[in-house]
């Protein structure tokens, strides 16, 4: 067991370092995220009495958008061509197939989580906004959401056996759910039908959880969302174990 764990940690370390060697992924989770928050906050500042309210809104909502987009990071980590070649040795090693997908989930989760926390740590003082009186709860709630997104990306790869197909579908689904969830703008003024669709979007409740933490200093949604994200993560990992096939991966 100890030997298997050491081998798994070695694989995890390599996967984690490989992500940092990809400038596109690093830039997308840092520079692009920060610019998106700044641009959206600036464009929306005229709708609020105080401009910094707009920046706080988009800091939270774009962070949720970035967390969900972690699924694309995971799909790249899992099936990028150069990584697939290196994984040939792992598949035929004594550790089996489990490290192939679980190390990718874990590495993608840690990678996205650290970079998103870095963006928050830089932008909050720069924009004079906060993520609540107890920022630890906000940061803690990010963890299972980031992990669930990474597991979703790997699960899609296990089903479709293609990074391109998985990333395209994930991007479409995440963008649609974020639009319906009010990530980019509120849909409440667009009629009862659109407002209803917004309420049934899971992203709407993710936004509610993070906004109540950052704006209302309330833990009302914290525990339900945290537990649900953990349950979804477990189910997706089980789904990966059931659908992963080395012959399809190769």
Protein backbone atom coordinates (compact mmCIF):
# COMPACT_ATOMS: atom_id res chain seq x y z
CA UNK A 1 0.00 0.00 0.00
CA UNK A 2 2.81 2.40 0.91
CA UNK A 3 4.63 1.64 -2.35
CA UNK A 4 1.46 2.23 -4.38
CA UNK A 5 0.87 5.53 -2.58
CA UNK A 6 4.43 6.67 -3.30
CA UNK A 7 4.00 5.83 -6.97
CA UNK A 8 0.69 7.66 -7.06
CA UNK A 9 2.25 10.76 -5.47
CA UNK A 10 5.05 10.64 -8.03
CA UNK A 11 2.50 10.56 -10.86
CA UNK A 12 0.53 13.37 -9.21
CA UNK A 13 3.66 15.50 -8.93
CA UNK A 14 4.45 15.03 -12.62
CA UNK A 15 0.88 15.86 -13.67
CA UNK A 16 0.88 18.96 -11.47
CA UNK A 17 4.19 20.22 -12.85
CA UNK A 18 3.08 19.53 -16.42
CA UNK A 19 0.12 21.86 -15.92
CA UNK A 20 2.41 24.68 -14.86
CA UNK A 21 4.49 24.08 -17.99
CA UNK A 22 1.45 24.97 -20.10
CA UNK A 23 1.45 28.79 -20.45
CA UNK A 24 -2.03 28.80 -21.97
CA UNK A 25 -3.60 27.09 -18.94
CA UNK A 26 -1.65 29.26 -16.50
CA UNK A 27 -2.64 32.44 -18.35
CA UNK A 28 -6.28 31.40 -18.69
CA UNK A 29 -6.59 30.84 -14.94
CA UNK A 30 -4.75 34.02 -13.92
CA UNK A 31 -4.32 36.82 -16.44
CA UNK A 32 -7.47 36.07 -18.45
CA UNK A 33 -9.58 35.65 -15.30
CA UNK A 34 -8.28 38.91 -13.83
CA UNK A 35 -8.83 40.83 -17.08
CA UNK A 36 -12.34 39.43 -17.41
CA UNK A 37 -13.18 40.63 -13.90
CA UNK A 38 -11.69 44.07 -14.53
CA UNK A 39 -13.41 44.55 -17.90
CA UNK A 40 -16.83 43.29 -16.76
CA UNK A 41 -16.57 45.30 -13.54
CA UNK A 42 -15.70 48.46 -15.46
CA UNK A 43 -18.52 47.97 -17.98
CA UNK A 44 -21.03 47.34 -15.22
CA UNK A 45 -19.89 50.11 -12.88
CA UNK A 46 -22.45 52.56 -14.26
CA UNK A 47 -25.28 50.37 -12.98
CA UNK A 48 -24.31 50.81 -9.32
CA UNK A 49 -24.10 53.75 -6.95
CA UNK A 50 -20.55 52.70 -6.12
CA UNK A 51 -18.27 51.37 -8.82
CA UNK A 52 -16.58 48.89 -6.49
CA UNK A 53 -19.90 47.05 -6.05
CA UNK A 54 -19.71 46.11 -9.71
CA UNK A 55 -16.17 44.85 -9.30
CA UNK A 56 -17.19 42.78 -6.29
CA UNK A 57 -20.12 41.29 -8.22
CA UNK A 58 -17.95 40.24 -11.13
CA UNK A 59 -15.11 39.08 -8.89
CA UNK A 60 -17.49 36.55 -7.36
CA UNK A 61 -19.41 35.61 -10.51
CA UNK A 62 -16.32 35.30 -12.71
CA UNK A 63 -14.64 33.17 -10.06
CA UNK A 64 -17.61 30.79 -10.24
CA UNK A 65 -17.26 30.82 -14.02
CA UNK A 66 -13.53 30.10 -13.68
CA UNK A 67 -14.10 27.25 -11.23
CA UNK A 68 -16.50 25.53 -13.61
CA UNK A 69 -14.11 26.07 -16.52
CA UNK A 70 -11.64 23.98 -14.54
CA UNK A 71 -13.30 21.06 -16.31
CA UNK A 72 -11.46 22.11 -19.48
CA UNK A 73 -8.15 22.20 -17.60
CA UNK A 74 -8.78 18.62 -16.49
CA UNK A 75 -9.66 17.41 -19.99
CA UNK A 76 -6.43 18.92 -21.31
CA UNK A 77 -4.45 17.36 -18.46
CA UNK A 78 -6.04 13.98 -19.16
CA UNK A 79 -5.85 13.62 -22.92
CA UNK A 80 -3.33 16.14 -24.23
CA UNK A 81 -1.19 14.34 -26.82
CA UNK A 82 2.18 14.63 -25.08
CA UNK A 83 0.69 13.55 -21.75
CA UNK A 84 -0.98 10.51 -23.32
CA UNK A 85 2.38 9.30 -24.58
CA UNK A 86 3.93 9.54 -21.12
CA UNK A 87 1.00 7.69 -19.58
CA UNK A 88 1.67 4.59 -21.66
CA UNK A 89 4.28 3.57 -19.09
CA UNK A 90 1.85 4.11 -16.21
CA UNK A 91 -0.89 1.98 -17.75
CA UNK A 92 1.38 -1.07 -17.83
CA UNK A 93 2.91 -0.44 -14.41
CA UNK A 94 1.84 -2.26 -11.19
CA UNK A 95 -0.20 0.72 -9.95
CA UNK A 96 -2.95 0.00 -12.48
CA UNK A 97 -5.32 2.42 -14.17
CA UNK A 98 -6.64 4.27 -11.11
CA UNK A 99 -3.77 6.82 -10.98
CA UNK A 100 -4.33 7.67 -14.65
CA UNK A 101 -7.61 9.46 -14.03
CA UNK A 102 -7.50 10.22 -10.29
CA UNK A 103 -4.10 11.90 -10.40
CA UNK A 104 -5.33 14.07 -13.28
CA UNK A 105 -8.43 15.06 -11.29
CA UNK A 106 -6.36 15.90 -8.22
CA UNK A 107 -3.63 17.75 -10.12
CA UNK A 108 -6.17 19.82 -12.07
CA UNK A 109 -8.05 20.62 -8.88
CA UNK A 110 -4.92 21.80 -7.01
CA UNK A 111 -3.71 23.77 -10.06
CA UNK A 112 -6.99 25.63 -10.60
CA UNK A 113 -7.62 26.14 -6.90
CA UNK A 114 -4.22 27.70 -6.20
CA UNK A 115 -4.35 30.02 -9.20
CA UNK A 116 -7.91 31.17 -8.47
CA UNK A 117 -7.04 31.86 -4.83
CA UNK A 118 -4.04 33.85 -6.11
CA UNK A 119 -6.31 35.95 -8.36
CA UNK A 120 -8.60 36.68 -5.41
CA UNK A 121 -5.65 37.55 -3.15
CA UNK A 122 -4.35 40.04 -5.72
CA UNK A 123 -7.61 41.63 -6.87
CA UNK A 124 -9.35 42.07 -3.51
CA UNK A 125 -6.89 44.67 -2.18
CA UNK A 126 -6.31 46.11 -5.65
CA UNK A 127 -10.05 46.77 -6.20
CA UNK A 128 -10.81 47.47 -2.51
CA UNK A 129 -13.41 44.70 -2.40
CA UNK A 130 -13.80 41.69 -0.13
CA UNK A 131 -15.14 38.15 -0.20
CA UNK A 132 -16.80 38.52 3.16
CA UNK A 133 -15.97 39.09 6.80
CA UNK A 134 -14.79 35.48 7.01
CA UNK A 135 -12.96 34.86 3.71
CA UNK A 136 -11.91 31.41 4.91
CA UNK A 137 -15.44 30.11 4.27
CA UNK A 138 -15.39 31.47 0.72
CA UNK A 139 -12.00 29.86 0.04
CA UNK A 140 -13.13 26.60 1.67
CA UNK A 141 -16.30 26.40 -0.40
CA UNK A 142 -14.25 26.82 -3.57
CA UNK A 143 -12.43 23.52 -2.92
CA UNK A 144 -15.21 20.96 -3.53
CA UNK A 145 -16.57 23.00 -6.44
CA UNK A 146 -13.14 23.04 -8.09
CA UNK A 147 -12.74 19.31 -7.48
CA UNK A 148 -16.18 18.51 -8.89
CA UNK A 149 -15.41 20.55 -12.02
CA UNK A 150 -12.11 18.70 -12.53
CA UNK A 151 -13.84 15.35 -12.04
CA UNK A 152 -16.49 16.36 -14.57
CA UNK A 153 -13.82 17.14 -17.16
CA UNK A 154 -12.19 13.72 -16.69
CA UNK A 155 -15.58 11.98 -16.74
CA UNK A 156 -16.42 13.55 -20.10
CA UNK A 157 -13.06 12.38 -21.46
CA UNK A 158 -13.77 8.83 -20.26
CA UNK A 159 -17.09 8.91 -22.12
CA UNK A 160 -16.10 10.64 -25.36
CA UNK A 161 -12.43 9.49 -25.54
CA UNK A 162 -11.42 12.83 -27.11
CA UNK A 163 -10.06 16.04 -25.61
CA UNK A 164 -11.49 18.12 -28.45
CA UNK A 165 -15.01 16.70 -28.18
CA UNK A 166 -15.00 16.84 -24.38
CA UNK A 167 -13.70 20.41 -24.20
CA UNK A 168 -16.15 21.66 -26.84
CA UNK A 169 -19.14 20.10 -25.12
CA UNK A 170 -17.99 21.19 -21.67
CA UNK A 171 -17.44 24.76 -22.84
CA UNK A 172 -20.93 24.88 -24.33
CA UNK A 173 -22.61 23.39 -21.27
CA UNK A 174 -20.71 25.55 -18.77
CA UNK A 175 -21.34 28.76 -20.74
CA UNK A 176 -25.05 28.00 -21.11
CA UNK A 177 -25.46 27.20 -17.41
CA UNK A 178 -23.55 30.35 -16.45
CA UNK A 179 -25.70 32.54 -18.69
CA UNK A 180 -28.87 31.00 -17.24
CA UNK A 181 -27.41 31.29 -13.74
CA UNK A 182 -26.92 35.04 -14.07
CA UNK A 183 -23.13 34.94 -14.04
CA UNK A 184 -22.70 37.65 -16.67
CA UNK A 185 -25.90 39.63 -16.02
CA UNK A 186 -29.13 39.22 -14.09
CA UNK A 187 -32.00 37.55 -15.95
CA UNK A 188 -34.72 38.52 -13.47
CA UNK A 189 -35.91 41.42 -15.66
CA UNK A 190 -36.29 39.34 -18.83
CA UNK A 191 -39.67 37.81 -18.05
CA UNK A 192 -41.06 35.02 -15.86
CA UNK A 193 -39.98 32.16 -18.15
CA UNK A 194 -36.33 33.25 -18.27
CA UNK A 195 -36.38 33.97 -14.54
CA UNK A 196 -37.68 30.43 -13.89
CA UNK A 197 -34.96 28.89 -16.08
CA UNK A 198 -32.41 30.93 -14.17
CA UNK A 199 -33.66 29.55 -10.85
CA UNK A 200 -33.32 25.92 -11.92
CA UNK A 201 -29.76 26.42 -13.16
CA UNK A 202 -27.29 24.92 -10.64
CA UNK A 203 -24.97 27.86 -11.31
CA UNK A 204 -27.62 30.20 -9.92
CA UNK A 205 -27.36 28.45 -6.56
CA UNK A 206 -23.58 28.41 -6.70
CA UNK A 207 -23.69 32.16 -7.24
CA UNK A 208 -26.16 32.53 -4.37
CA UNK A 209 -23.88 30.58 -2.04
CA UNK A 210 -20.80 32.65 -2.84
CA UNK A 211 -22.67 35.96 -2.86
CA UNK A 212 -24.28 35.34 0.53
CA UNK A 213 -20.82 34.62 1.91
CA UNK A 214 -19.16 37.68 0.36
CA UNK A 215 -21.95 40.25 0.57
CA UNK A 216 -24.22 39.15 3.42
CA UNK A 217 -21.66 37.32 5.58
CA UNK A 218 -24.21 34.51 5.78
CA UNK A 219 -23.56 30.76 5.88
CA UNK A 220 -27.11 29.97 4.78
CA UNK A 221 -26.09 28.12 1.60
CA UNK A 222 -22.61 27.07 2.67
CA UNK A 223 -23.25 23.59 4.08
CA UNK A 224 -25.82 22.42 1.46
CA UNK A 225 -23.62 23.52 -1.46
CA UNK A 226 -20.46 22.13 0.16
CA UNK A 227 -22.05 18.73 0.80
CA UNK A 228 -23.67 18.58 -2.63
CA UNK A 229 -20.37 19.39 -4.34
CA UNK A 230 -18.64 16.62 -2.34
CA UNK A 231 -21.37 14.11 -3.28
CA UNK A 232 -21.15 15.08 -6.96
CA UNK A 233 -17.36 14.73 -6.82
CA UNK A 234 -17.62 11.21 -5.39
CA UNK A 235 -20.20 10.18 -8.00
CA UNK A 236 -18.07 11.54 -10.84
CA UNK A 237 -14.97 9.70 -9.59
CA UNK A 238 -17.02 6.50 -9.44
CA UNK A 239 -18.27 7.28 -12.94
CA UNK A 240 -14.67 7.61 -14.14
CA UNK A 241 -13.76 4.24 -12.62
CA UNK A 242 -16.70 2.61 -14.41
CA UNK A 243 -16.16 4.21 -17.82
CA UNK A 244 -12.37 4.43 -18.05
CA UNK A 245 -10.93 1.89 -20.49
CA UNK A 246 -7.23 1.77 -21.25
CA UNK A 247 -7.84 0.50 -24.77
CA UNK A 248 -10.05 3.52 -25.52
CA UNK A 249 -7.56 5.88 -23.94
CA UNK A 250 -4.77 4.55 -26.10
